[in-house]
Every structure is written in structure tokens, then in C-alpha cells.
């Protein structure tokens, strides 16, 4: 019989010494199916230094974005707290653009065309680069 869901009093004590409550340990093991060693030893939440949190606030980065950058993308805390969010005025720069299309970047920015839209128009819709860079994207109408 499998008793992996059974938590011994010693395991509860070990978890408690790591700052994990009984309820959290029960939930991790019985509801979420975590292995007991992971459930006992994984801290509840990473506490970031106050100066890093101030940097996040100063740069108007949402906290969830900051944490996601660290956990999912593997960024260090400073990079995650200081890299601005992407927007039309700050498009993705990590996307590969062939040199022959770089001359259209200024027109794209002037017309509010992001790099992803530009690439989709060229490679999927088969538009000319001039048309792809100069036709503004459609904006959704907001009904009030």
C-alpha cells in the first residue's frame, strides 16, 4: 500500500522549523501531490531585499512581472527590476530581423507597427515590406 500522503509528526516538526505550517504541508502533499521532501523544504516565498522592491516600484514594473522574469526567464534581480516593459515605443529587440528589413524600423515606429505585426504581415500575409511598415494596425473599438 502507498502511504506517501501520510505525514509523520517528525515531518511536521521539520516543516515547522523551515517556516511551513501544517496546513501548507498538508496541502502540498495531499492536494498538490508534492513529494514530501520538496513540500517540507521549499520556502513559502522568496523575500527580496527592500532596495530591490523600491527599484521595481521606481521603474513601474508590476511585481508579478518582476517575479516572472526571475523564475521563468532566469534574469538576475537587478535586470528584472530595471528592464522597461515593452510597448510600441519600446518594441522587442530580441527578435531577429534580417538586415534588409532594418531600414523599415523608423517607419514602423512612426506608424505604431510592432515587430511581430511587421513579421506576420511579410511572412504570413505576404505583404510588401513598405506596406507592412506603413499601414497602422487596426485598433479595437471600445464600446461604452
N, C-alpha and C. Protein backbone atom coordinates (compact mmCIF):
# COMPACT_ATOMS: atom_id res chain seq x y z
N UNK A 1 0.83 -1.19 0.00
CA UNK A 1 0.00 0.00 0.00
C UNK A 1 0.87 1.25 0.00
N UNK A 2 0.39 2.26 -0.68
CA UNK A 2 1.15 3.52 -0.78
C UNK A 2 0.71 4.49 0.31
N UNK A 3 1.64 4.86 1.17
CA UNK A 3 1.35 5.80 2.25
C UNK A 3 2.11 7.11 2.06
N UNK A 4 2.34 7.49 0.82
CA UNK A 4 3.11 8.71 0.56
C UNK A 4 2.38 9.96 1.03
N UNK A 5 1.08 9.88 1.22
CA UNK A 5 0.30 11.03 1.69
C UNK A 5 0.37 11.18 3.20
N UNK A 6 0.82 10.11 3.91
CA UNK A 6 0.90 10.16 5.38
C UNK A 6 2.09 11.00 5.81
N UNK A 7 1.85 11.95 6.69
CA UNK A 7 2.90 12.84 7.18
C UNK A 7 3.13 12.54 8.65
N UNK A 8 4.36 12.18 9.00
CA UNK A 8 4.68 11.83 10.38
C UNK A 8 4.81 13.08 11.24
N UNK A 9 4.69 12.93 12.56
CA UNK A 9 4.89 14.08 13.45
C UNK A 9 6.28 14.70 13.29
N UNK A 10 7.29 13.88 13.02
CA UNK A 10 8.65 14.40 12.81
C UNK A 10 8.71 15.28 11.55
N UNK A 11 7.98 14.85 10.51
CA UNK A 11 7.96 15.64 9.27
C UNK A 11 7.25 16.98 9.48
N UNK A 12 6.17 16.96 10.28
CA UNK A 12 5.51 18.23 10.62
C UNK A 12 6.46 19.15 11.38
N UNK A 13 7.23 18.59 12.32
CA UNK A 13 8.19 19.39 13.08
C UNK A 13 9.27 19.97 12.17
N UNK A 14 9.79 19.15 11.26
CA UNK A 14 10.82 19.61 10.33
C UNK A 14 10.28 20.75 9.46
N UNK A 15 9.06 20.58 8.97
CA UNK A 15 8.44 21.63 8.14
C UNK A 15 8.25 22.90 8.96
N UNK A 16 7.80 22.74 10.19
CA UNK A 16 7.58 23.90 11.07
C UNK A 16 8.89 24.66 11.28
N UNK A 17 9.99 23.92 11.45
CA UNK A 17 11.29 24.58 11.64
C UNK A 17 11.74 25.31 10.37
N UNK A 18 11.19 24.91 9.22
CA UNK A 18 11.50 25.59 7.95
C UNK A 18 10.50 26.69 7.62
N UNK A 19 9.58 26.96 8.56
CA UNK A 19 8.60 28.02 8.34
C UNK A 19 7.38 27.60 7.56
N UNK A 20 7.14 26.28 7.46
CA UNK A 20 5.99 25.74 6.72
C UNK A 20 4.95 25.28 7.74
N UNK A 21 3.73 25.81 7.65
CA UNK A 21 2.68 25.41 8.58
C UNK A 21 2.13 24.03 8.24
N UNK A 22 1.39 23.46 9.20
CA UNK A 22 0.76 22.15 8.99
C UNK A 22 -0.17 22.18 7.78
N UNK A 23 -0.98 23.26 7.70
CA UNK A 23 -1.95 23.35 6.60
C UNK A 23 -1.26 23.40 5.24
N UNK A 24 -0.19 24.17 5.15
CA UNK A 24 0.53 24.27 3.88
C UNK A 24 1.15 22.93 3.52
N UNK A 25 1.76 22.26 4.50
CA UNK A 25 2.36 20.95 4.25
C UNK A 25 1.30 19.94 3.81
N UNK A 26 0.16 19.92 4.51
CA UNK A 26 -0.93 19.03 4.11
C UNK A 26 -1.37 19.30 2.68
N UNK A 27 -1.54 20.56 2.35
CA UNK A 27 -2.00 20.93 1.01
C UNK A 27 -0.98 20.53 -0.05
N UNK A 28 0.28 20.79 0.23
CA UNK A 28 1.31 20.45 -0.75
C UNK A 28 1.38 18.94 -1.00
N UNK A 29 1.30 18.15 0.04
CA UNK A 29 1.45 16.70 -0.10
C UNK A 29 0.16 16.04 -0.58
N UNK A 30 -0.96 16.36 0.06
CA UNK A 30 -2.21 15.64 -0.21
C UNK A 30 -3.01 16.19 -1.37
N UNK A 31 -3.01 17.51 -1.55
CA UNK A 31 -3.82 18.10 -2.62
C UNK A 31 -3.01 18.32 -3.88
N UNK A 32 -1.77 18.82 -3.71
CA UNK A 32 -0.95 19.14 -4.88
C UNK A 32 -0.06 17.99 -5.32
N UNK A 33 0.11 16.98 -4.45
CA UNK A 33 0.89 15.80 -4.83
C UNK A 33 2.40 16.00 -4.83
N UNK A 34 2.87 16.99 -4.06
CA UNK A 34 4.32 17.21 -4.00
C UNK A 34 4.99 16.05 -3.27
N UNK A 35 6.23 15.74 -3.62
CA UNK A 35 7.00 14.80 -2.80
C UNK A 35 7.21 15.44 -1.42
N UNK A 36 7.24 14.61 -0.37
CA UNK A 36 7.32 15.16 0.98
C UNK A 36 8.59 15.98 1.20
N UNK A 37 9.70 15.55 0.66
CA UNK A 37 10.95 16.31 0.89
C UNK A 37 10.86 17.70 0.28
N UNK A 38 10.25 17.80 -0.90
CA UNK A 38 10.08 19.11 -1.52
C UNK A 38 9.09 19.96 -0.72
N UNK A 39 8.00 19.35 -0.29
CA UNK A 39 6.97 20.07 0.46
C UNK A 39 7.51 20.59 1.79
N UNK A 40 8.39 19.84 2.40
CA UNK A 40 8.95 20.22 3.71
C UNK A 40 10.02 21.29 3.57
N UNK A 41 10.80 21.23 2.50
CA UNK A 41 11.99 22.09 2.38
C UNK A 41 11.83 23.32 1.50
N UNK A 42 10.77 23.42 0.72
CA UNK A 42 10.59 24.57 -0.16
C UNK A 42 10.01 25.74 0.64
N UNK A 43 10.73 26.88 0.67
CA UNK A 43 10.20 28.03 1.41
C UNK A 43 8.91 28.55 0.78
N UNK A 44 8.11 29.23 1.59
CA UNK A 44 6.83 29.73 1.11
C UNK A 44 7.00 30.76 0.01
N UNK A 45 7.86 31.71 0.21
CA UNK A 45 8.02 32.77 -0.77
C UNK A 45 9.40 33.36 -0.61
N UNK A 46 9.99 33.72 -1.73
CA UNK A 46 11.30 34.36 -1.68
C UNK A 46 11.09 35.80 -1.24
N UNK A 47 11.88 36.24 -0.29
CA UNK A 47 11.80 37.62 0.17
C UNK A 47 12.91 38.40 -0.51
N UNK A 48 12.53 39.40 -1.28
CA UNK A 48 13.52 40.23 -1.97
C UNK A 48 13.90 41.41 -1.08
N UNK A 49 15.14 41.86 -1.18
CA UNK A 49 15.58 42.99 -0.35
C UNK A 49 14.73 44.23 -0.62
N UNK A 50 14.53 45.07 0.40
CA UNK A 50 13.69 46.26 0.24
C UNK A 50 14.20 47.21 -0.85
N UNK A 51 15.52 47.29 -1.02
CA UNK A 51 16.05 48.19 -2.06
C UNK A 51 15.70 47.69 -3.47
N UNK A 52 15.60 46.37 -3.65
CA UNK A 52 15.18 45.82 -4.94
C UNK A 52 13.71 46.12 -5.18
N UNK A 53 12.88 45.97 -4.16
CA UNK A 53 11.45 46.27 -4.29
C UNK A 53 11.24 47.74 -4.61
N UNK A 54 12.03 48.62 -3.99
CA UNK A 54 11.95 50.06 -4.30
C UNK A 54 12.31 50.32 -5.76
N UNK A 55 13.32 49.61 -6.26
CA UNK A 55 13.74 49.75 -7.66
C UNK A 55 12.62 49.30 -8.60
N UNK A 56 11.95 48.22 -8.23
CA UNK A 56 10.82 47.72 -9.03
C UNK A 56 9.72 48.78 -9.10
N UNK A 57 9.39 49.36 -7.95
CA UNK A 57 8.35 50.39 -7.90
C UNK A 57 8.76 51.63 -8.67
N UNK A 58 10.01 52.05 -8.51
CA UNK A 58 10.51 53.25 -9.17
C UNK A 58 10.44 53.12 -10.70
N UNK A 59 10.69 51.90 -11.20
CA UNK A 59 10.69 51.67 -12.64
C UNK A 59 9.33 51.23 -13.18
N UNK A 60 8.30 51.26 -12.31
CA UNK A 60 6.92 50.93 -12.69
C UNK A 60 6.81 49.53 -13.31
N UNK A 61 7.51 48.58 -12.71
CA UNK A 61 7.43 47.19 -13.15
C UNK A 61 6.43 46.49 -12.22
N UNK A 62 5.40 45.85 -12.77
CA UNK A 62 4.48 45.10 -11.90
C UNK A 62 5.23 43.98 -11.16
N UNK A 63 4.86 43.77 -9.89
CA UNK A 63 5.57 42.78 -9.07
C UNK A 63 5.54 41.40 -9.71
N UNK A 64 4.41 41.00 -10.26
CA UNK A 64 4.30 39.68 -10.89
C UNK A 64 5.23 39.57 -12.10
N UNK A 65 5.39 40.65 -12.85
CA UNK A 65 6.31 40.65 -13.98
C UNK A 65 7.73 40.48 -13.48
N UNK A 66 8.07 41.20 -12.41
CA UNK A 66 9.40 41.10 -11.81
C UNK A 66 9.71 39.66 -11.40
N UNK A 67 8.78 39.03 -10.68
CA UNK A 67 8.99 37.66 -10.22
C UNK A 67 9.05 36.70 -11.40
N UNK A 68 8.19 36.89 -12.38
CA UNK A 68 8.18 36.03 -13.56
C UNK A 68 9.50 36.12 -14.33
N UNK A 69 10.05 37.29 -14.42
CA UNK A 69 11.33 37.46 -15.10
C UNK A 69 12.42 36.66 -14.41
N UNK A 70 12.38 36.61 -13.10
CA UNK A 70 13.39 35.87 -12.34
C UNK A 70 13.16 34.37 -12.46
N UNK A 71 11.92 33.94 -12.21
CA UNK A 71 11.64 32.50 -12.19
C UNK A 71 11.63 31.87 -13.58
N UNK A 72 10.94 32.51 -14.52
CA UNK A 72 10.76 31.91 -15.83
C UNK A 72 11.91 32.19 -16.79
N UNK A 73 12.42 33.42 -16.75
CA UNK A 73 13.45 33.80 -17.70
C UNK A 73 14.86 33.67 -17.14
N UNK A 74 14.97 33.49 -15.83
CA UNK A 74 16.28 33.33 -15.22
C UNK A 74 17.08 34.61 -15.09
N UNK A 75 16.40 35.77 -15.13
CA UNK A 75 17.10 37.05 -15.01
C UNK A 75 17.56 37.26 -13.58
N UNK A 76 18.61 38.07 -13.41
CA UNK A 76 19.00 38.44 -12.05
C UNK A 76 18.07 39.55 -11.57
N UNK A 77 18.09 39.82 -10.27
CA UNK A 77 17.14 40.76 -9.67
C UNK A 77 17.26 42.17 -10.25
N UNK A 78 18.48 42.63 -10.47
CA UNK A 78 18.68 44.00 -10.99
C UNK A 78 18.12 44.14 -12.40
N UNK A 79 18.41 43.18 -13.26
CA UNK A 79 17.90 43.23 -14.64
C UNK A 79 16.37 43.17 -14.64
N UNK A 80 15.81 42.29 -13.82
CA UNK A 80 14.35 42.15 -13.75
C UNK A 80 13.68 43.42 -13.22
N UNK A 81 14.37 44.15 -12.34
CA UNK A 81 13.80 45.35 -11.74
C UNK A 81 14.00 46.60 -12.57
N UNK A 82 14.94 46.58 -13.51
CA UNK A 82 15.26 47.80 -14.25
C UNK A 82 14.91 47.76 -15.74
N UNK A 83 14.70 46.58 -16.32
CA UNK A 83 14.37 46.50 -17.73
C UNK A 83 12.95 46.99 -17.95
N UNK A 84 12.78 48.03 -18.79
CA UNK A 84 11.42 48.57 -19.00
C UNK A 84 10.51 47.56 -19.68
N UNK A 85 9.23 47.75 -19.48
CA UNK A 85 8.24 46.93 -20.15
C UNK A 85 8.24 47.24 -21.64
N UNK A 86 7.84 46.28 -22.45
CA UNK A 86 7.76 46.51 -23.89
C UNK A 86 6.50 47.30 -24.22
N UNK A 87 6.61 48.12 -25.25
CA UNK A 87 5.45 48.86 -25.74
C UNK A 87 5.72 49.18 -27.20
N UNK A 88 4.81 49.91 -27.82
CA UNK A 88 5.02 50.31 -29.22
C UNK A 88 6.27 51.17 -29.32
N UNK A 89 6.48 52.03 -28.32
CA UNK A 89 7.66 52.89 -28.33
C UNK A 89 8.91 52.17 -27.87
N UNK A 90 8.76 50.98 -27.32
CA UNK A 90 9.88 50.20 -26.85
C UNK A 90 9.67 48.76 -27.32
N UNK A 91 9.78 48.50 -28.64
CA UNK A 91 9.45 47.18 -29.17
C UNK A 91 10.47 46.12 -28.76
N UNK A 92 10.10 44.87 -28.99
CA UNK A 92 11.03 43.77 -28.71
C UNK A 92 12.27 43.95 -29.55
N UNK A 93 13.39 43.84 -28.92
CA UNK A 93 14.65 43.94 -29.66
C UNK A 93 15.34 42.60 -29.73
N UNK A 94 14.79 41.60 -29.05
CA UNK A 94 15.42 40.29 -29.06
C UNK A 94 14.93 39.42 -30.22
N UNK A 95 14.05 39.96 -31.06
CA UNK A 95 13.55 39.23 -32.21
C UNK A 95 14.50 39.48 -33.39
N UNK A 96 14.81 38.42 -34.09
CA UNK A 96 15.72 38.55 -35.22
C UNK A 96 15.02 39.24 -36.38
N UNK A 97 15.64 40.28 -36.88
CA UNK A 97 15.15 40.97 -38.07
C UNK A 97 16.29 40.96 -39.09
N UNK A 98 16.05 40.42 -40.27
CA UNK A 98 17.11 40.44 -41.28
C UNK A 98 17.52 41.88 -41.59
N UNK A 99 18.79 42.06 -41.93
CA UNK A 99 19.33 43.40 -42.21
C UNK A 99 18.54 44.12 -43.30
N UNK A 100 18.00 43.38 -44.27
CA UNK A 100 17.29 44.03 -45.37
C UNK A 100 16.01 44.72 -44.89
N UNK A 101 15.50 44.37 -43.69
CA UNK A 101 14.29 44.99 -43.15
C UNK A 101 14.57 46.06 -42.10
N UNK A 102 15.81 46.22 -41.68
CA UNK A 102 16.14 47.19 -40.63
C UNK A 102 15.82 48.62 -41.04
N UNK A 103 15.86 48.91 -42.34
CA UNK A 103 15.58 50.27 -42.80
C UNK A 103 14.11 50.66 -42.59
N UNK A 104 13.26 49.70 -42.27
CA UNK A 104 11.84 49.97 -42.07
C UNK A 104 11.49 50.23 -40.59
N UNK A 105 12.47 50.10 -39.71
CA UNK A 105 12.19 50.26 -38.28
C UNK A 105 11.63 51.64 -37.94
N UNK A 106 12.16 52.69 -38.57
CA UNK A 106 11.68 54.05 -38.28
C UNK A 106 10.21 54.20 -38.71
N UNK A 107 9.88 53.71 -39.90
CA UNK A 107 8.50 53.79 -40.39
C UNK A 107 7.57 52.98 -39.50
N UNK A 108 8.04 51.84 -39.02
CA UNK A 108 7.22 51.02 -38.13
C UNK A 108 6.91 51.77 -36.85
N UNK A 109 7.91 52.41 -36.27
CA UNK A 109 7.71 53.14 -35.02
C UNK A 109 6.75 54.31 -35.23
N UNK A 110 6.91 55.04 -36.33
CA UNK A 110 6.04 56.18 -36.62
C UNK A 110 4.59 55.77 -36.79
N UNK A 111 4.37 54.56 -37.33
CA UNK A 111 3.01 54.10 -37.61
C UNK A 111 2.46 53.16 -36.55
N UNK A 112 3.23 52.92 -35.47
CA UNK A 112 2.75 52.07 -34.39
C UNK A 112 2.70 50.60 -34.72
N UNK A 113 3.55 50.17 -35.64
CA UNK A 113 3.58 48.76 -36.04
C UNK A 113 4.67 48.06 -35.25
N UNK A 114 4.32 47.06 -34.47
CA UNK A 114 5.33 46.33 -33.71
C UNK A 114 6.02 45.31 -34.61
N UNK A 115 7.14 44.81 -34.12
CA UNK A 115 7.96 43.90 -34.93
C UNK A 115 7.20 42.62 -35.26
N UNK A 116 6.44 42.09 -34.30
CA UNK A 116 5.67 40.87 -34.55
C UNK A 116 4.64 41.06 -35.65
N UNK A 117 3.97 42.20 -35.63
CA UNK A 117 2.98 42.50 -36.67
C UNK A 117 3.67 42.64 -38.02
N UNK A 118 4.79 43.35 -38.03
CA UNK A 118 5.56 43.52 -39.27
C UNK A 118 5.94 42.16 -39.85
N UNK A 119 6.48 41.28 -39.02
CA UNK A 119 6.90 39.96 -39.50
C UNK A 119 5.71 39.13 -39.98
N UNK A 120 4.61 39.19 -39.25
CA UNK A 120 3.42 38.44 -39.68
C UNK A 120 2.92 38.91 -41.03
N UNK A 121 2.93 40.22 -41.21
CA UNK A 121 2.46 40.77 -42.49
C UNK A 121 3.34 40.33 -43.66
N UNK A 122 4.64 40.25 -43.43
CA UNK A 122 5.56 39.88 -44.51
C UNK A 122 5.53 38.37 -44.77
N UNK A 123 5.70 37.58 -43.71
CA UNK A 123 5.87 36.14 -43.88
C UNK A 123 4.57 35.36 -44.01
N UNK A 124 3.50 35.83 -43.38
CA UNK A 124 2.25 35.10 -43.42
C UNK A 124 1.29 35.70 -44.45
N UNK A 125 1.11 37.04 -44.39
CA UNK A 125 0.17 37.68 -45.30
C UNK A 125 0.79 38.04 -46.65
N UNK A 126 2.13 37.93 -46.73
CA UNK A 126 2.88 38.18 -47.97
C UNK A 126 2.76 39.62 -48.45
N UNK A 127 2.73 40.57 -47.49
CA UNK A 127 2.70 41.99 -47.85
C UNK A 127 4.11 42.42 -48.24
N UNK A 128 4.18 43.53 -48.96
CA UNK A 128 5.48 44.11 -49.25
C UNK A 128 6.00 44.75 -47.95
N UNK A 129 7.32 44.86 -47.79
CA UNK A 129 7.86 45.47 -46.58
C UNK A 129 7.39 46.91 -46.39
N UNK A 130 7.25 47.67 -47.47
CA UNK A 130 6.78 49.05 -47.37
C UNK A 130 5.37 49.12 -46.79
N UNK A 131 4.49 48.28 -47.33
CA UNK A 131 3.11 48.26 -46.85
C UNK A 131 3.04 47.76 -45.42
N UNK A 132 3.82 46.72 -45.09
CA UNK A 132 3.81 46.14 -43.75
C UNK A 132 4.27 47.15 -42.70
N UNK A 133 5.18 48.04 -43.07
CA UNK A 133 5.72 49.02 -42.12
C UNK A 133 4.88 50.27 -42.01
N UNK A 134 4.11 50.59 -43.03
CA UNK A 134 3.42 51.89 -43.05
C UNK A 134 1.92 51.82 -42.74
N UNK A 135 1.29 50.67 -42.90
CA UNK A 135 -0.14 50.57 -42.59
C UNK A 135 -0.31 50.42 -41.09
N UNK A 136 -0.95 51.40 -40.44
CA UNK A 136 -1.13 51.30 -38.99
C UNK A 136 -1.98 50.09 -38.62
N UNK A 137 -1.72 49.47 -37.48
CA UNK A 137 -2.55 48.32 -37.07
C UNK A 137 -3.96 48.80 -36.72
N UNK A 138 -4.92 47.91 -36.89
CA UNK A 138 -6.29 48.23 -36.53
C UNK A 138 -6.39 48.32 -35.02
N UNK A 139 -7.16 49.22 -34.57
CA UNK A 139 -7.41 49.38 -33.12
C UNK A 139 -8.82 48.91 -32.86
N UNK A 140 -8.98 48.17 -31.78
CA UNK A 140 -10.32 47.69 -31.42
C UNK A 140 -11.13 48.85 -30.88
N UNK A 141 -12.39 48.87 -31.26
CA UNK A 141 -13.30 49.89 -30.75
C UNK A 141 -13.80 49.45 -29.39
N UNK A 142 -13.76 50.35 -28.47
CA UNK A 142 -14.24 50.07 -27.12
C UNK A 142 -15.65 50.61 -27.02
N UNK A 143 -16.58 49.71 -26.74
CA UNK A 143 -17.96 50.12 -26.61
C UNK A 143 -18.22 50.60 -25.21
N UNK A 144 -18.93 51.73 -25.12
CA UNK A 144 -19.24 52.28 -23.79
C UNK A 144 -20.72 52.33 -23.57
